[in-house]
Amino acid sequence: MRLPTFYRHFLSRVQVIKYRIISNPLIDLTDIEKYAITKLVAFVLGASPISAFSEEANEAASAIFSSLGISHIEIETVLQESMCSNQDKEVESILSSLKGITDNNYLNTLSDTCLQIANISENKEVAELIIYIFEKLK
């Protein structure tokens, strides 16, 4: 059975959109992806008092939050929610929400920033978790 022209055209356009370049995260990412990135960065930043109070770590996190258009109120809400939830469920939620990002340049930049913050925190478990998450995404 042959699909009508409209559906064939629609399906061919869907296949073309498989790879997205993230040049402007504010515009190019979905709200779900922005929220997941916020959860991830907030988790890494809050992993240790060292990173939470580090100017370098806060600047790196702020740069990501700003690129996403995330307000301080939204960040605080995400922090509160992630502190009260199961870490394994949070990781699965983040992975699930970010699986649509296929731009390796953007993923590498995000991974490098998260690892930078994790290294400031001196928390090897968090650094290993970041590596695990980004290996799953690539």
N, C-alpha and C. Protein backbone atom coordinates (compact mmCIF):
# COMPACT_ATOMS: atom_id res chain seq x y z
N MET A 1 0.84 -1.18 0.00
CA MET A 1 0.00 0.00 0.00
C MET A 1 0.88 1.24 0.00
N ARG A 2 0.58 2.14 -0.89
CA ARG A 2 1.37 3.36 -1.04
C ARG A 2 0.73 4.48 -0.24
N LEU A 3 1.55 5.21 0.53
CA LEU A 3 1.05 6.32 1.33
C LEU A 3 0.70 7.51 0.44
N PRO A 4 -0.33 8.27 0.82
CA PRO A 4 -0.64 9.48 0.07
C PRO A 4 0.55 10.44 0.08
N THR A 5 0.62 11.31 -0.91
CA THR A 5 1.74 12.24 -1.08
C THR A 5 2.00 13.07 0.18
N PHE A 6 0.94 13.56 0.82
CA PHE A 6 1.11 14.39 2.01
C PHE A 6 1.89 13.64 3.09
N TYR A 7 1.53 12.37 3.33
CA TYR A 7 2.21 11.59 4.37
C TYR A 7 3.64 11.27 3.99
N ARG A 8 3.87 10.96 2.71
CA ARG A 8 5.24 10.69 2.27
C ARG A 8 6.10 11.92 2.46
N HIS A 9 5.56 13.10 2.10
CA HIS A 9 6.29 14.36 2.27
C HIS A 9 6.57 14.61 3.76
N PHE A 10 5.56 14.40 4.60
CA PHE A 10 5.70 14.61 6.04
C PHE A 10 6.77 13.68 6.61
N LEU A 11 6.72 12.39 6.27
CA LEU A 11 7.68 11.42 6.78
C LEU A 11 9.10 11.73 6.30
N SER A 12 9.23 12.19 5.05
CA SER A 12 10.57 12.53 4.57
C SER A 12 11.13 13.72 5.33
N ARG A 13 10.29 14.67 5.72
CA ARG A 13 10.75 15.82 6.51
C ARG A 13 11.11 15.40 7.92
N VAL A 14 10.39 14.46 8.49
CA VAL A 14 10.70 13.97 9.83
C VAL A 14 12.07 13.30 9.84
N GLN A 15 12.38 12.54 8.82
CA GLN A 15 13.66 11.86 8.74
C GLN A 15 14.81 12.86 8.61
N VAL A 16 14.60 13.98 7.97
CA VAL A 16 15.63 14.98 7.80
C VAL A 16 15.98 15.64 9.13
N ILE A 17 15.04 15.71 10.05
CA ILE A 17 15.23 16.43 11.31
C ILE A 17 15.89 15.55 12.38
N LYS A 18 16.38 14.40 12.04
CA LYS A 18 16.98 13.51 13.03
C LYS A 18 18.18 14.16 13.72
N TYR A 19 18.96 14.96 13.01
CA TYR A 19 20.14 15.59 13.57
C TYR A 19 19.91 17.09 13.70
N ARG A 20 19.98 17.58 14.93
CA ARG A 20 19.80 19.01 15.17
C ARG A 20 21.13 19.61 15.61
N ILE A 21 21.44 20.76 15.09
CA ILE A 21 22.59 21.50 15.55
C ILE A 21 22.09 22.48 16.60
N ILE A 22 22.76 22.48 17.74
CA ILE A 22 22.37 23.35 18.84
C ILE A 22 23.30 24.56 18.81
N SER A 23 22.91 25.59 18.07
CA SER A 23 23.73 26.80 18.02
C SER A 23 23.24 27.83 19.03
N ASN A 24 21.95 27.79 19.34
CA ASN A 24 21.38 28.68 20.35
C ASN A 24 20.47 27.84 21.25
N PRO A 25 20.99 27.40 22.40
CA PRO A 25 20.20 26.52 23.27
C PRO A 25 18.84 27.10 23.67
N LEU A 26 18.75 28.40 23.79
CA LEU A 26 17.49 29.03 24.16
C LEU A 26 16.40 28.71 23.15
N ILE A 27 16.77 28.65 21.90
CA ILE A 27 15.81 28.42 20.82
C ILE A 27 15.79 26.95 20.38
N ASP A 28 16.97 26.34 20.31
CA ASP A 28 17.11 25.01 19.71
C ASP A 28 16.73 23.84 20.60
N LEU A 29 16.64 24.07 21.91
CA LEU A 29 16.29 22.98 22.83
C LEU A 29 14.83 23.07 23.25
N THR A 30 14.24 21.94 23.53
CA THR A 30 12.87 21.91 24.03
C THR A 30 12.88 22.29 25.51
N ASP A 31 11.73 22.61 26.05
CA ASP A 31 11.63 22.93 27.48
C ASP A 31 12.04 21.73 28.33
N ILE A 32 11.68 20.54 27.90
CA ILE A 32 12.04 19.33 28.64
C ILE A 32 13.55 19.16 28.68
N GLU A 33 14.23 19.42 27.55
CA GLU A 33 15.68 19.31 27.50
C GLU A 33 16.33 20.38 28.38
N LYS A 34 15.80 21.59 28.33
CA LYS A 34 16.34 22.67 29.18
C LYS A 34 16.19 22.32 30.65
N TYR A 35 15.06 21.78 31.02
CA TYR A 35 14.81 21.39 32.41
C TYR A 35 15.77 20.28 32.83
N ALA A 36 16.01 19.31 31.97
CA ALA A 36 16.91 18.19 32.27
C ALA A 36 18.35 18.70 32.42
N ILE A 37 18.77 19.59 31.56
CA ILE A 37 20.12 20.16 31.67
C ILE A 37 20.24 20.95 32.97
N THR A 38 19.19 21.69 33.31
CA THR A 38 19.19 22.45 34.56
C THR A 38 19.32 21.50 35.75
N LYS A 39 18.57 20.38 35.72
CA LYS A 39 18.66 19.40 36.80
C LYS A 39 20.07 18.83 36.91
N LEU A 40 20.65 18.52 35.77
CA LEU A 40 21.99 17.94 35.75
C LEU A 40 23.02 18.91 36.32
N VAL A 41 23.01 20.14 35.83
CA VAL A 41 24.00 21.12 36.28
C VAL A 41 23.78 21.46 37.76
N ALA A 42 22.53 21.60 38.16
CA ALA A 42 22.23 21.90 39.57
C ALA A 42 22.70 20.75 40.46
N PHE A 43 22.52 19.53 40.01
CA PHE A 43 22.97 18.37 40.77
C PHE A 43 24.49 18.39 40.94
N VAL A 44 25.20 18.64 39.84
CA VAL A 44 26.66 18.65 39.89
C VAL A 44 27.15 19.80 40.77
N LEU A 45 26.54 20.94 40.63
CA LEU A 45 26.93 22.11 41.41
C LEU A 45 26.69 21.88 42.90
N GLY A 46 25.61 21.22 43.23
CA GLY A 46 25.28 20.99 44.63
C GLY A 46 25.88 19.73 45.22
N ALA A 47 26.74 19.06 44.46
CA ALA A 47 27.32 17.78 44.92
C ALA A 47 28.25 17.95 46.11
N SER A 48 28.75 19.15 46.28
CA SER A 48 29.70 19.38 47.36
C SER A 48 29.69 20.85 47.73
N PRO A 49 29.94 21.17 49.00
CA PRO A 49 30.03 22.58 49.40
C PRO A 49 31.17 23.29 48.67
N ILE A 50 32.20 22.54 48.28
CA ILE A 50 33.33 23.15 47.57
C ILE A 50 32.86 23.76 46.26
N SER A 51 32.09 22.99 45.46
CA SER A 51 31.62 23.52 44.18
C SER A 51 30.48 24.51 44.39
N ALA A 52 29.65 24.28 45.37
CA ALA A 52 28.52 25.17 45.61
C ALA A 52 28.98 26.59 45.94
N PHE A 53 30.13 26.71 46.60
CA PHE A 53 30.63 28.03 46.98
C PHE A 53 31.81 28.50 46.13
N SER A 54 32.13 27.75 45.10
CA SER A 54 33.24 28.12 44.22
C SER A 54 32.76 29.13 43.17
N GLU A 55 33.50 30.22 43.06
CA GLU A 55 33.15 31.24 42.06
C GLU A 55 33.26 30.67 40.65
N GLU A 56 34.31 29.89 40.40
CA GLU A 56 34.51 29.30 39.08
C GLU A 56 33.37 28.35 38.71
N ALA A 57 32.98 27.50 39.64
CA ALA A 57 31.89 26.55 39.39
C ALA A 57 30.57 27.28 39.17
N ASN A 58 30.31 28.30 39.98
CA ASN A 58 29.07 29.06 39.83
C ASN A 58 29.03 29.84 38.52
N GLU A 59 30.16 30.34 38.07
CA GLU A 59 30.20 31.04 36.78
C GLU A 59 29.93 30.08 35.63
N ALA A 60 30.52 28.88 35.71
CA ALA A 60 30.29 27.87 34.66
C ALA A 60 28.82 27.47 34.62
N ALA A 61 28.24 27.23 35.79
CA ALA A 61 26.82 26.84 35.85
C ALA A 61 25.93 28.00 35.38
N SER A 62 26.26 29.21 35.81
CA SER A 62 25.46 30.37 35.41
C SER A 62 25.47 30.57 33.89
N ALA A 63 26.62 30.30 33.27
CA ALA A 63 26.70 30.43 31.81
C ALA A 63 25.72 29.47 31.13
N ILE A 64 25.64 28.25 31.66
CA ILE A 64 24.70 27.27 31.09
C ILE A 64 23.27 27.72 31.34
N PHE A 65 22.97 28.10 32.58
CA PHE A 65 21.61 28.53 32.91
C PHE A 65 21.20 29.73 32.06
N SER A 66 22.10 30.68 31.86
CA SER A 66 21.79 31.86 31.05
C SER A 66 21.52 31.48 29.61
N SER A 67 22.31 30.55 29.07
CA SER A 67 22.12 30.13 27.68
C SER A 67 20.77 29.45 27.48
N LEU A 68 20.24 28.88 28.57
CA LEU A 68 18.94 28.20 28.50
C LEU A 68 17.77 29.13 28.80
N GLY A 69 18.09 30.32 29.31
CA GLY A 69 17.03 31.26 29.69
C GLY A 69 16.34 30.85 30.98
N ILE A 70 17.07 30.22 31.88
CA ILE A 70 16.50 29.73 33.13
C ILE A 70 16.64 30.80 34.21
N SER A 71 15.55 31.10 34.88
CA SER A 71 15.57 32.12 35.93
C SER A 71 16.08 31.53 37.24
N HIS A 72 16.47 32.40 38.17
CA HIS A 72 16.94 31.95 39.48
C HIS A 72 15.84 31.20 40.23
N ILE A 73 14.62 31.64 40.09
CA ILE A 73 13.50 30.96 40.77
C ILE A 73 13.34 29.54 40.24
N GLU A 74 13.43 29.39 38.92
CA GLU A 74 13.32 28.05 38.32
C GLU A 74 14.49 27.16 38.77
N ILE A 75 15.68 27.74 38.86
CA ILE A 75 16.85 26.97 39.29
C ILE A 75 16.66 26.49 40.72
N GLU A 76 16.18 27.38 41.59
CA GLU A 76 15.94 27.00 42.98
C GLU A 76 14.89 25.90 43.09
N THR A 77 13.85 26.00 42.27
CA THR A 77 12.81 24.97 42.26
C THR A 77 13.40 23.62 41.86
N VAL A 78 14.20 23.62 40.82
CA VAL A 78 14.84 22.39 40.34
C VAL A 78 15.76 21.82 41.42
N LEU A 79 16.52 22.69 42.08
CA LEU A 79 17.40 22.24 43.16
C LEU A 79 16.61 21.58 44.29
N GLN A 80 15.51 22.19 44.67
CA GLN A 80 14.69 21.64 45.75
C GLN A 80 14.11 20.28 45.35
N GLU A 81 13.63 20.18 44.12
CA GLU A 81 13.05 18.92 43.65
C GLU A 81 14.11 17.82 43.59
N SER A 82 15.29 18.15 43.10
CA SER A 82 16.32 17.13 42.94
C SER A 82 16.88 16.68 44.29
N MET A 83 16.86 17.54 45.29
CA MET A 83 17.34 17.17 46.62
C MET A 83 16.41 16.16 47.29
N CYS A 84 15.15 16.18 46.90
CA CYS A 84 14.15 15.32 47.54
C CYS A 84 13.88 14.04 46.75
N SER A 85 14.59 13.83 45.67
CA SER A 85 14.27 12.68 44.84
C SER A 85 15.38 11.64 44.85
N ASN A 86 15.07 10.50 44.31
CA ASN A 86 15.99 9.37 44.21
C ASN A 86 17.01 9.65 43.10
N GLN A 87 18.29 9.52 43.40
CA GLN A 87 19.33 9.84 42.42
C GLN A 87 19.22 8.98 41.17
N ASP A 88 18.95 7.69 41.32
CA ASP A 88 18.84 6.81 40.15
C ASP A 88 17.70 7.25 39.24
N LYS A 89 16.56 7.63 39.84
CA LYS A 89 15.43 8.10 39.05
C LYS A 89 15.76 9.41 38.36
N GLU A 90 16.50 10.28 39.04
CA GLU A 90 16.91 11.56 38.44
C GLU A 90 17.79 11.32 37.22
N VAL A 91 18.75 10.42 37.35
CA VAL A 91 19.65 10.12 36.24
C VAL A 91 18.87 9.56 35.06
N GLU A 92 17.96 8.63 35.32
CA GLU A 92 17.14 8.06 34.24
C GLU A 92 16.27 9.13 33.59
N SER A 93 15.72 10.01 34.39
CA SER A 93 14.90 11.10 33.87
C SER A 93 15.74 12.04 32.99
N ILE A 94 16.94 12.35 33.44
CA ILE A 94 17.83 13.22 32.66
C ILE A 94 18.21 12.55 31.35
N LEU A 95 18.60 11.28 31.43
CA LEU A 95 18.96 10.55 30.20
C LEU A 95 17.80 10.49 29.22
N SER A 96 16.64 10.18 29.73
CA SER A 96 15.46 10.09 28.89
C SER A 96 15.15 11.43 28.21
N SER A 97 15.28 12.49 28.96
CA SER A 97 14.94 13.82 28.44
C SER A 97 15.98 14.35 27.45
N LEU A 98 17.22 13.90 27.58
CA LEU A 98 18.29 14.43 26.72
C LEU A 98 18.63 13.54 25.54
N LYS A 99 17.97 12.39 25.41
CA LYS A 99 18.32 11.45 24.35
C LYS A 99 18.09 12.01 22.95
N GLY A 100 17.28 13.05 22.83
CA GLY A 100 17.01 13.64 21.52
C GLY A 100 18.09 14.60 21.05
N ILE A 101 19.03 14.93 21.92
CA ILE A 101 20.11 15.83 21.52
C ILE A 101 21.19 15.00 20.84
N THR A 102 21.41 15.27 19.57
CA THR A 102 22.37 14.50 18.78
C THR A 102 23.58 15.31 18.38
N ASP A 103 23.62 16.57 18.75
CA ASP A 103 24.73 17.44 18.40
C ASP A 103 25.91 17.16 19.34
N ASN A 104 26.89 16.41 18.83
CA ASN A 104 28.03 16.03 19.67
C ASN A 104 28.84 17.22 20.16
N ASN A 105 28.92 18.28 19.37
CA ASN A 105 29.65 19.47 19.82
C ASN A 105 28.98 20.06 21.06
N TYR A 106 27.67 20.15 21.04
CA TYR A 106 26.95 20.69 22.20
C TYR A 106 27.09 19.75 23.40
N LEU A 107 26.94 18.45 23.15
CA LEU A 107 27.08 17.47 24.23
C LEU A 107 28.48 17.50 24.84
N ASN A 108 29.51 17.65 23.99
CA ASN A 108 30.88 17.73 24.49
C ASN A 108 31.09 18.97 25.35
N THR A 109 30.56 20.10 24.91
CA THR A 109 30.68 21.34 25.67
C THR A 109 29.99 21.20 27.02
N LEU A 110 28.79 20.66 27.00
CA LEU A 110 28.03 20.47 28.23
C LEU A 110 28.75 19.49 29.16
N SER A 111 29.25 18.42 28.60
CA SER A 111 29.99 17.42 29.38
C SER A 111 31.24 18.04 30.01
N ASP A 112 31.99 18.80 29.22
CA ASP A 112 33.21 19.44 29.73
C ASP A 112 32.90 20.40 30.88
N THR A 113 31.83 21.15 30.74
CA THR A 113 31.46 22.10 31.80
C THR A 113 31.04 21.35 33.06
N CYS A 114 30.24 20.32 32.90
CA CYS A 114 29.82 19.52 34.07
C CYS A 114 31.01 18.86 34.74
N LEU A 115 31.95 18.34 33.95
CA LEU A 115 33.15 17.73 34.53
C LEU A 115 34.02 18.77 35.23
N GLN A 116 34.08 19.96 34.67
CA GLN A 116 34.83 21.05 35.30
C GLN A 116 34.25 21.33 36.70
N ILE A 117 32.94 21.41 36.78
CA ILE A 117 32.28 21.66 38.06
C ILE A 117 32.49 20.48 39.01
N ALA A 118 32.37 19.26 38.49
CA ALA A 118 32.57 18.06 39.31
C ALA A 118 33.99 17.99 39.84
N ASN A 119 34.96 18.37 39.02
CA ASN A 119 36.34 18.35 39.47
C ASN A 119 36.60 19.38 40.56
N ILE A 120 35.93 20.51 40.47
CA ILE A 120 36.04 21.52 41.52
C ILE A 120 35.48 20.96 42.82
N SER A 121 34.41 20.19 42.72
CA SER A 121 33.79 19.62 43.93
C SER A 121 34.64 18.54 44.57
N GLU A 122 35.63 18.06 43.81
CA GLU A 122 36.50 16.98 44.27
C GLU A 122 35.72 15.71 44.61
N ASN A 123 34.60 15.52 43.90
CA ASN A 123 33.76 14.36 44.12
C ASN A 123 33.90 13.43 42.92
N LYS A 124 34.67 12.35 43.08
CA LYS A 124 34.94 11.43 41.98
C LYS A 124 33.67 10.71 41.52
N GLU A 125 32.77 10.41 42.46
CA GLU A 125 31.53 9.72 42.09
C GLU A 125 30.69 10.56 41.13
N VAL A 126 30.63 11.86 41.38
CA VAL A 126 29.86 12.74 40.50
C VAL A 126 30.53 12.83 39.14
N ALA A 127 31.85 12.92 39.12
CA ALA A 127 32.58 12.95 37.84
C ALA A 127 32.31 11.66 37.05
N GLU A 128 32.33 10.52 37.73
CA GLU A 128 32.04 9.24 37.07
C GLU A 128 30.61 9.21 36.56
N LEU A 129 29.68 9.78 37.31
CA LEU A 129 28.29 9.83 36.89
C LEU A 129 28.13 10.69 35.64
N ILE A 130 28.83 11.81 35.59
CA ILE A 130 28.80 12.68 34.40
C ILE A 130 29.32 11.92 33.19
N ILE A 131 30.43 11.24 33.36
CA ILE A 131 31.00 10.45 32.25
C ILE A 131 30.00 9.40 31.79
N TYR A 132 29.38 8.71 32.73
CA TYR A 132 28.37 7.69 32.40
C TYR A 132 27.21 8.30 31.61
N ILE A 133 26.69 9.41 32.08
CA ILE A 133 25.54 10.05 31.41
C ILE A 133 25.89 10.42 29.98
N PHE A 134 27.03 11.04 29.78
CA PHE A 134 27.37 11.49 28.43
C PHE A 134 27.81 10.36 27.51
N GLU A 135 28.33 9.28 28.06
CA GLU A 135 28.60 8.10 27.24
C GLU A 135 27.30 7.51 26.72
N LYS A 136 26.28 7.50 27.58
CA LYS A 136 24.96 6.99 27.17
C LYS A 136 24.31 7.88 26.10
N LEU A 137 24.59 9.18 26.16
CA LEU A 137 23.95 10.11 25.23
C LEU A 137 24.63 10.12 23.85
N LYS A 138 25.88 9.72 23.80
CA LYS A 138 26.62 9.80 22.51
C LYS A 138 26.51 8.53 21.72
